[in-house]
Amino acid sequence: MDQGQGMFLGYILERVQEDKVEEAKGLFFESFQKLSAGHFTQEDMIRLVPKAMALLKPECIEEVMAIMNQFAAGLNQ
């Protein structure tokens, strides 16, 4: 995991429901591994978003969704 991924993970984990932290770590570690290997696709992002949103504190969903949408837009470039 690079520094940017670590910062992003920290940001996400602060907004995850307390009992879902380990699940979120696993979800994002898997995604970061694919990203680092150059195998993370738009399809992966489509599968990641609903899983990630289900782990978040309700009051943080909109904020995190906006950031993930920005990231997804970058995948298309």
PDB file of N, CA and C in Angstrom:
ATOM      1  N   MET A   1       0.857  -1.172   0.000  1.00  0.00           N
ATOM      2  CA  MET A   1       0.000   0.000   0.000  1.00  0.00           C
ATOM      3  C   MET A   1       0.902   1.234   0.000  1.00  0.00           C
ATOM      4  N   ASP A   2       0.606   2.154  -0.914  1.00  0.00           N
ATOM      5  CA  ASP A   2       1.412   3.366  -0.943  1.00  0.00           C
ATOM      6  C   ASP A   2       0.849   4.395   0.045  1.00  0.00           C
ATOM      7  N   GLN A   3       1.538   5.516   0.153  1.00  0.00           N
ATOM      8  CA  GLN A   3       1.158   6.522   1.145  1.00  0.00           C
ATOM      9  C   GLN A   3      -0.245   7.078   0.882  1.00  0.00           C
ATOM     10  N   GLY A   4      -0.563   7.334  -0.386  1.00  0.00           N
ATOM     11  CA  GLY A   4      -1.886   7.861  -0.724  1.00  0.00           C
ATOM     12  C   GLY A   4      -2.994   6.882  -0.370  1.00  0.00           C
ATOM     13  N   GLN A   5      -2.751   5.611  -0.633  1.00  0.00           N
ATOM     14  CA  GLN A   5      -3.739   4.589  -0.291  1.00  0.00           C
ATOM     15  C   GLN A   5      -3.913   4.500   1.212  1.00  0.00           C
ATOM     16  N   GLY A   6      -2.803   4.614   1.937  1.00  0.00           N
ATOM     17  CA  GLY A   6      -2.866   4.587   3.395  1.00  0.00           C
ATOM     18  C   GLY A   6      -3.673   5.752   3.946  1.00  0.00           C
ATOM     19  N   MET A   7      -3.478   6.921   3.367  1.00  0.00           N
ATOM     20  CA  MET A   7      -4.229   8.102   3.804  1.00  0.00           C
ATOM     21  C   MET A   7      -5.718   7.935   3.491  1.00  0.00           C
ATOM     22  N   PHE A   8      -6.017   7.406   2.314  1.00  0.00           N
ATOM     23  CA  PHE A   8      -7.403   7.182   1.930  1.00  0.00           C
ATOM     24  C   PHE A   8      -8.057   6.165   2.854  1.00  0.00           C
ATOM     25  N   LEU A   9      -7.332   5.077   3.140  1.00  0.00           N
ATOM     26  CA  LEU A   9      -7.863   4.057   4.039  1.00  0.00           C
ATOM     27  C   LEU A   9      -8.144   4.644   5.421  1.00  0.00           C
ATOM     28  N   GLY A  10      -7.226   5.451   5.920  1.00  0.00           N
ATOM     29  CA  GLY A  10      -7.437   6.098   7.213  1.00  0.00           C
ATOM     30  C   GLY A  10      -8.685   6.964   7.210  1.00  0.00           C
ATOM     31  N   TYR A  11      -8.862   7.705   6.129  1.00  0.00           N
ATOM     32  CA  TYR A  11     -10.045   8.559   5.965  1.00  0.00           C
ATOM     33  C   TYR A  11     -11.322   7.711   6.007  1.00  0.00           C
ATOM     34  N   ILE A  12     -11.310   6.624   5.244  1.00  0.00           N
ATOM     35  CA  ILE A  12     -12.486   5.744   5.191  1.00  0.00           C
ATOM     36  C   ILE A  12     -12.753   5.113   6.552  1.00  0.00           C
ATOM     37  N   LEU A  13     -11.712   4.585   7.192  1.00  0.00           N
ATOM     38  CA  LEU A  13     -11.898   3.875   8.460  1.00  0.00           C
ATOM     39  C   LEU A  13     -12.449   4.777   9.555  1.00  0.00           C
ATOM     40  N   GLU A  14     -12.159   6.075   9.478  1.00  0.00           N
ATOM     41  CA  GLU A  14     -12.721   7.017  10.455  1.00  0.00           C
ATOM     42  C   GLU A  14     -14.229   7.157  10.284  1.00  0.00           C
ATOM     43  N   ARG A  15     -14.730   6.774   9.115  1.00  0.00           N
ATOM     44  CA  ARG A  15     -16.142   6.951   8.804  1.00  0.00           C
ATOM     45  C   ARG A  15     -16.921   5.635   8.764  1.00  0.00           C
ATOM     46  N   VAL A  16     -16.237   4.552   9.042  1.00  0.00           N
ATOM     47  CA  VAL A  16     -16.855   3.224   9.038  1.00  0.00           C
ATOM     48  C   VAL A  16     -17.469   2.940  10.415  1.00  0.00           C
ATOM     49  N   GLN A  17     -18.574   2.212  10.421  1.00  0.00           N
ATOM     50  CA  GLN A  17     -19.182   1.782  11.680  1.00  0.00           C
ATOM     51  C   GLN A  17     -18.141   0.990  12.476  1.00  0.00           C
ATOM     52  N   GLU A  18     -18.093   1.211  13.768  1.00  0.00           N
ATOM     53  CA  GLU A  18     -17.053   0.618  14.606  1.00  0.00           C
ATOM     54  C   GLU A  18     -16.964  -0.898  14.484  1.00  0.00           C
ATOM     55  N   ASP A  19     -18.084  -1.562  14.334  1.00  0.00           N
ATOM     56  CA  ASP A  19     -18.065  -3.020  14.255  1.00  0.00           C
ATOM     57  C   ASP A  19     -17.793  -3.533  12.832  1.00  0.00           C
ATOM     58  N   LYS A  20     -17.524  -2.627  11.901  1.00  0.00           N
ATOM     59  CA  LYS A  20     -17.279  -3.002  10.505  1.00  0.00           C
ATOM     60  C   LYS A  20     -15.857  -2.669  10.042  1.00  0.00           C
ATOM     61  N   VAL A  21     -14.991  -2.223  10.947  1.00  0.00           N
ATOM     62  CA  VAL A  21     -13.650  -1.769  10.583  1.00  0.00           C
ATOM     63  C   VAL A  21     -12.829  -2.879   9.924  1.00  0.00           C
ATOM     64  N   GLU A  22     -12.813  -4.056  10.501  1.00  0.00           N
ATOM     65  CA  GLU A  22     -12.004  -5.149   9.929  1.00  0.00           C
ATOM     66  C   GLU A  22     -12.514  -5.550   8.552  1.00  0.00           C
ATOM     67  N   GLU A  23     -13.815  -5.566   8.394  1.00  0.00           N
ATOM     68  CA  GLU A  23     -14.400  -5.888   7.093  1.00  0.00           C
ATOM     69  C   GLU A  23     -14.001  -4.839   6.047  1.00  0.00           C
ATOM     70  N   ALA A  24     -14.023  -3.574   6.447  1.00  0.00           N
ATOM     71  CA  ALA A  24     -13.631  -2.489   5.543  1.00  0.00           C
ATOM     72  C   ALA A  24     -12.158  -2.602   5.169  1.00  0.00           C
ATOM     73  N   LYS A  25     -11.309  -2.911   6.138  1.00  0.00           N
ATOM     74  CA  LYS A  25      -9.882  -3.070   5.843  1.00  0.00           C
ATOM     75  C   LYS A  25      -9.677  -4.144   4.775  1.00  0.00           C
ATOM     76  N   GLY A  26     -10.314  -5.282   4.944  1.00  0.00           N
ATOM     77  CA  GLY A  26     -10.183  -6.370   3.977  1.00  0.00           C
ATOM     78  C   GLY A  26     -10.654  -5.963   2.593  1.00  0.00           C
ATOM     79  N   LEU A  27     -11.774  -5.287   2.537  1.00  0.00           N
ATOM     80  CA  LEU A  27     -12.342  -4.846   1.271  1.00  0.00           C
ATOM     81  C   LEU A  27     -11.386  -3.901   0.539  1.00  0.00           C
ATOM     82  N   PHE A  28     -10.842  -2.931   1.274  1.00  0.00           N
ATOM     83  CA  PHE A  28      -9.972  -1.951   0.634  1.00  0.00           C
ATOM     84  C   PHE A  28      -8.575  -2.498   0.372  1.00  0.00           C
ATOM     85  N   PHE A  29      -8.047  -3.359   1.233  1.00  0.00           N
ATOM     86  CA  PHE A  29      -6.746  -3.968   0.955  1.00  0.00           C
ATOM     87  C   PHE A  29      -6.797  -4.752  -0.349  1.00  0.00           C
ATOM     88  N   GLU A  30      -7.866  -5.507  -0.542  1.00  0.00           N
ATOM     89  CA  GLU A  30      -8.025  -6.274  -1.780  1.00  0.00           C
ATOM     90  C   GLU A  30      -8.065  -5.334  -2.989  1.00  0.00           C
ATOM     91  N   SER A  31      -8.796  -4.244  -2.871  1.00  0.00           N
ATOM     92  CA  SER A  31      -8.891  -3.279  -3.965  1.00  0.00           C
ATOM     93  C   SER A  31      -7.550  -2.611  -4.231  1.00  0.00           C
ATOM     94  N   PHE A  32      -6.816  -2.270  -3.179  1.00  0.00           N
ATOM     95  CA  PHE A  32      -5.508  -1.636  -3.350  1.00  0.00           C
ATOM     96  C   PHE A  32      -4.518  -2.588  -4.013  1.00  0.00           C
ATOM     97  N   GLN A  33      -4.601  -3.865  -3.694  1.00  0.00           N
ATOM     98  CA  GLN A  33      -3.717  -4.847  -4.327  1.00  0.00           C
ATOM     99  C   GLN A  33      -3.984  -4.905  -5.825  1.00  0.00           C
ATOM    100  N   LYS A  34      -5.254  -4.940  -6.209  1.00  0.00           N
ATOM    101  CA  LYS A  34      -5.606  -4.953  -7.625  1.00  0.00           C
ATOM    102  C   LYS A  34      -5.149  -3.666  -8.306  1.00  0.00           C
ATOM    103  N   LEU A  35      -5.337  -2.547  -7.626  1.00  0.00           N
ATOM    104  CA  LEU A  35      -4.944  -1.258  -8.171  1.00  0.00           C
ATOM    105  C   LEU A  35      -3.434  -1.209  -8.391  1.00  0.00           C
ATOM    106  N   SER A  36      -2.669  -1.644  -7.417  1.00  0.00           N
ATOM    107  CA  SER A  36      -1.204  -1.646  -7.517  1.00  0.00           C
ATOM    108  C   SER A  36      -0.715  -2.558  -8.634  1.00  0.00           C
ATOM    109  N   ALA A  37      -1.437  -3.644  -8.864  1.00  0.00           N
ATOM    110  CA  ALA A  37      -1.061  -4.588  -9.916  1.00  0.00           C
ATOM    111  C   ALA A  37      -1.570  -4.141 -11.289  1.00  0.00           C
ATOM    112  N   GLY A  38      -2.338  -3.064 -11.314  1.00  0.00           N
ATOM    113  CA  GLY A  38      -2.877  -2.570 -12.571  1.00  0.00           C
ATOM    114  C   GLY A  38      -4.084  -3.333 -13.069  1.00  0.00           C
ATOM    115  N   HIS A  39      -4.748  -4.032 -12.157  1.00  0.00           N
ATOM    116  CA  HIS A  39      -5.890  -4.859 -12.527  1.00  0.00           C
ATOM    117  C   HIS A  39      -7.219  -4.358 -11.975  1.00  0.00           C
ATOM    118  N   PHE A  40      -7.240  -3.171 -11.395  1.00  0.00           N
ATOM    119  CA  PHE A  40      -8.481  -2.627 -10.828  1.00  0.00           C
ATOM    120  C   PHE A  40      -9.252  -1.959 -11.953  1.00  0.00           C
ATOM    121  N   THR A  41     -10.464  -2.419 -12.197  1.00  0.00           N
ATOM    122  CA  THR A  41     -11.266  -1.940 -13.320  1.00  0.00           C
ATOM    123  C   THR A  41     -12.488  -1.157 -12.850  1.00  0.00           C
ATOM    124  N   GLN A  42     -13.163  -0.591 -13.807  1.00  0.00           N
ATOM    125  CA  GLN A  42     -14.425   0.096 -13.528  1.00  0.00           C
ATOM    126  C   GLN A  42     -15.423  -0.891 -12.922  1.00  0.00           C
ATOM    127  N   GLU A  43     -15.398  -2.127 -13.396  1.00  0.00           N
ATOM    128  CA  GLU A  43     -16.278  -3.169 -12.846  1.00  0.00           C
ATOM    129  C   GLU A  43     -15.971  -3.418 -11.367  1.00  0.00           C
ATOM    130  N   ASP A  44     -14.686  -3.427 -11.016  1.00  0.00           N
ATOM    131  CA  ASP A  44     -14.302  -3.587  -9.611  1.00  0.00           C
ATOM    132  C   ASP A  44     -14.859  -2.440  -8.781  1.00  0.00           C
ATOM    133  N   MET A  45     -14.798  -1.235  -9.338  1.00  0.00           N
ATOM    134  CA  MET A  45     -15.304  -0.060  -8.630  1.00  0.00           C
ATOM    135  C   MET A  45     -16.810  -0.176  -8.434  1.00  0.00           C
ATOM    136  N   ILE A  46     -17.507  -0.652  -9.452  1.00  0.00           N
ATOM    137  CA  ILE A  46     -18.964  -0.814  -9.360  1.00  0.00           C
ATOM    138  C   ILE A  46     -19.332  -1.808  -8.260  1.00  0.00           C
ATOM    139  N   ARG A  47     -18.518  -2.842  -8.093  1.00  0.00           N
ATOM    140  CA  ARG A  47     -18.777  -3.822  -7.028  1.00  0.00           C
ATOM    141  C   ARG A  47     -18.359  -3.288  -5.654  1.00  0.00           C
ATOM    142  N   LEU A  48     -17.312  -2.472  -5.617  1.00  0.00           N
ATOM    143  CA  LEU A  48     -16.788  -1.952  -4.353  1.00  0.00           C
ATOM    144  C   LEU A  48     -17.750  -0.958  -3.690  1.00  0.00           C
ATOM    145  N   VAL A  49     -18.309  -0.067  -4.477  1.00  0.00           N
ATOM    146  CA  VAL A  49     -19.095   1.034  -3.914  1.00  0.00           C
ATOM    147  C   VAL A  49     -20.236   0.571  -3.005  1.00  0.00           C
ATOM    148  N   PRO A  50     -21.129  -0.309  -3.444  1.00  0.00           N
ATOM    149  CA  PRO A  50     -22.222  -0.680  -2.526  1.00  0.00           C
ATOM    150  C   PRO A  50     -21.734  -1.415  -1.276  1.00  0.00           C
ATOM    151  N   LYS A  51     -20.675  -2.209  -1.424  1.00  0.00           N
ATOM    152  CA  LYS A  51     -20.123  -2.900  -0.250  1.00  0.00           C
ATOM    153  C   LYS A  51     -19.565  -1.882   0.734  1.00  0.00           C
ATOM    154  N   ALA A  52     -18.824  -0.909   0.221  1.00  0.00           N
ATOM    155  CA  ALA A  52     -18.232   0.113   1.089  1.00  0.00           C
ATOM    156  C   ALA A  52     -19.314   0.965   1.751  1.00  0.00           C
ATOM    157  N   MET A  53     -20.324   1.343   0.995  1.00  0.00           N
ATOM    158  CA  MET A  53     -21.383   2.194   1.537  1.00  0.00           C
ATOM    159  C   MET A  53     -22.120   1.501   2.681  1.00  0.00           C
ATOM    160  N   ALA A  54     -22.263   0.189   2.593  1.00  0.00           N
ATOM    161  CA  ALA A  54     -22.960  -0.568   3.641  1.00  0.00           C
ATOM    162  C   ALA A  54     -22.176  -0.585   4.955  1.00  0.00           C
ATOM    163  N   LEU A  55     -20.889  -0.303   4.900  1.00  0.00           N
ATOM    164  CA  LEU A  55     -20.048  -0.339   6.098  1.00  0.00           C
ATOM    165  C   LEU A  55     -19.924   1.019   6.781  1.00  0.00           C
ATOM    166  N   LEU A  56     -20.338   2.058   6.104  1.00  0.00           N
ATOM    167  CA  LEU A  56     -20.160   3.414   6.619  1.00  0.00           C
ATOM    168  C   LEU A  56     -21.209   3.809   7.658  1.00  0.00           C
ATOM    169  N   LYS A  57     -20.828   4.766   8.488  1.00  0.00           N
ATOM    170  CA  LYS A  57     -21.798   5.396   9.378  1.00  0.00           C
ATOM    171  C   LYS A  57     -22.779   6.135   8.478  1.00  0.00           C
ATOM    172  N   PRO A  58     -24.064   6.066   8.770  1.00  0.00           N
ATOM    173  CA  PRO A  58     -25.066   6.677   7.891  1.00  0.00           C
ATOM    174  C   PRO A  58     -24.794   8.155   7.570  1.00  0.00           C
ATOM    175  N   GLU A  59     -24.313   8.893   8.534  1.00  0.00           N
ATOM    176  CA  GLU A  59     -24.078  10.322   8.324  1.00  0.00           C
ATOM    177  C   GLU A  59     -22.869  10.608   7.430  1.00  0.00           C
ATOM    178  N   CYS A  60     -22.097   9.594   7.088  1.00  0.00           N
ATOM    179  CA  CYS A  60     -20.889   9.771   6.275  1.00  0.00           C
ATOM    180  C   CYS A  60     -21.039   9.285   4.839  1.00  0.00           C
ATOM    181  N   ILE A  61     -22.137   8.652   4.530  1.00  0.00           N
ATOM    182  CA  ILE A  61     -22.307   8.031   3.217  1.00  0.00           C
ATOM    183  C   ILE A  61     -22.191   9.049   2.088  1.00  0.00           C
ATOM    184  N   GLU A  62     -22.885  10.154   2.182  1.00  0.00           N
ATOM    185  CA  GLU A  62     -22.885  11.146   1.107  1.00  0.00           C
ATOM    186  C   GLU A  62     -21.480  11.698   0.862  1.00  0.00           C
ATOM    187  N   GLU A  63     -20.771  12.014   1.938  1.00  0.00           N
ATOM    188  CA  GLU A  63     -19.413  12.556   1.850  1.00  0.00           C
ATOM    189  C   GLU A  63     -18.467  11.565   1.170  1.00  0.00           C
ATOM    190  N   VAL A  64     -18.495  10.320   1.595  1.00  0.00           N
ATOM    191  CA  VAL A  64     -17.601   9.304   1.041  1.00  0.00           C
ATOM    192  C   VAL A  64     -17.991   8.970  -0.393  1.00  0.00           C
ATOM    193  N   MET A  65     -19.265   8.955  -0.676  1.00  0.00           N
ATOM    194  CA  MET A  65     -19.726   8.670  -2.036  1.00  0.00           C
ATOM    195  C   MET A  65     -19.168   9.693  -3.012  1.00  0.00           C
ATOM    196  N   ALA A  66     -19.153  10.956  -2.624  1.00  0.00           N
ATOM    197  CA  ALA A  66     -18.617  12.004  -3.488  1.00  0.00           C
ATOM    198  C   ALA A  66     -17.140  11.747  -3.794  1.00  0.00           C
ATOM    199  N   ILE A  67     -16.382  11.341  -2.798  1.00  0.00           N
ATOM    200  CA  ILE A  67     -14.946  11.066  -3.000  1.00  0.00           C
ATOM    201  C   ILE A  67     -14.752   9.839  -3.883  1.00  0.00           C
ATOM    202  N   MET A  68     -15.532   8.813  -3.653  1.00  0.00           N
ATOM    203  CA  MET A  68     -15.392   7.599  -4.462  1.00  0.00           C
ATOM    204  C   MET A  68     -15.801   7.856  -5.912  1.00  0.00           C
ATOM    205  N   ASN A  69     -16.762   8.733  -6.132  1.00  0.00           N
ATOM    206  CA  ASN A  69     -17.150   9.093  -7.497  1.00  0.00           C
ATOM    207  C   ASN A  69     -16.009   9.813  -8.208  1.00  0.00           C
ATOM    208  N   GLN A  70     -15.290  10.669  -7.479  1.00  0.00           N
ATOM    209  CA  GLN A  70     -14.132  11.356  -8.059  1.00  0.00           C
ATOM    210  C   GLN A  70     -13.070  10.335  -8.459  1.00  0.00           C
ATOM    211  N   PHE A  71     -12.831   9.364  -7.593  1.00  0.00           N
ATOM    212  CA  PHE A  71     -11.855   8.332  -7.873  1.00  0.00           C
ATOM    213  C   PHE A  71     -12.272   7.510  -9.097  1.00  0.00           C
ATOM    214  N   ALA A  72     -13.538   7.148  -9.152  1.00  0.00           N
ATOM    215  CA  ALA A  72     -14.049   6.354 -10.280  1.00  0.00           C
ATOM    216  C   ALA A  72     -13.897   7.115 -11.584  1.00  0.00           C
ATOM    217  N   ALA A  73     -14.113   8.406 -11.562  1.00  0.00           N
ATOM    218  CA  ALA A  73     -13.959   9.216 -12.768  1.00  0.00           C
ATOM    219  C   ALA A  73     -12.511   9.174 -13.252  1.00  0.00           C
ATOM    220  N   GLY A  74     -11.574   9.125 -12.323  1.00  0.00           N
ATOM    221  CA  GLY A  74     -10.155   9.028 -12.672  1.00  0.00           C
ATOM    222  C   GLY A  74      -9.788   7.695 -13.316  1.00  0.00           C
ATOM    223  N   LEU A  75     -10.546   6.656 -13.060  1.00  0.00           N
ATOM    224  CA  LEU A  75     -10.289   5.359 -13.668  1.00  0.00           C
ATOM    225  C   LEU A  75     -10.561   5.354 -15.165  1.00  0.00           C
ATOM    226  N   ASN A  76     -11.422   6.253 -15.585  1.00  0.00           N
ATOM    227  CA  ASN A  76     -11.792   6.309 -16.997  1.00  0.00           C
ATOM    228  C   ASN A  76     -10.756   7.051 -17.841  1.00  0.00           C
ATOM    229  N   GLN A  77      -9.792   7.664 -17.216  1.00  0.00           N
ATOM    230  CA  GLN A  77      -8.800   8.461 -17.960  1.00  0.00           C
ATOM    231  C   GLN A  77      -7.595   7.645 -18.323  1.00  0.00           C
TER     232      GLN A  77
END
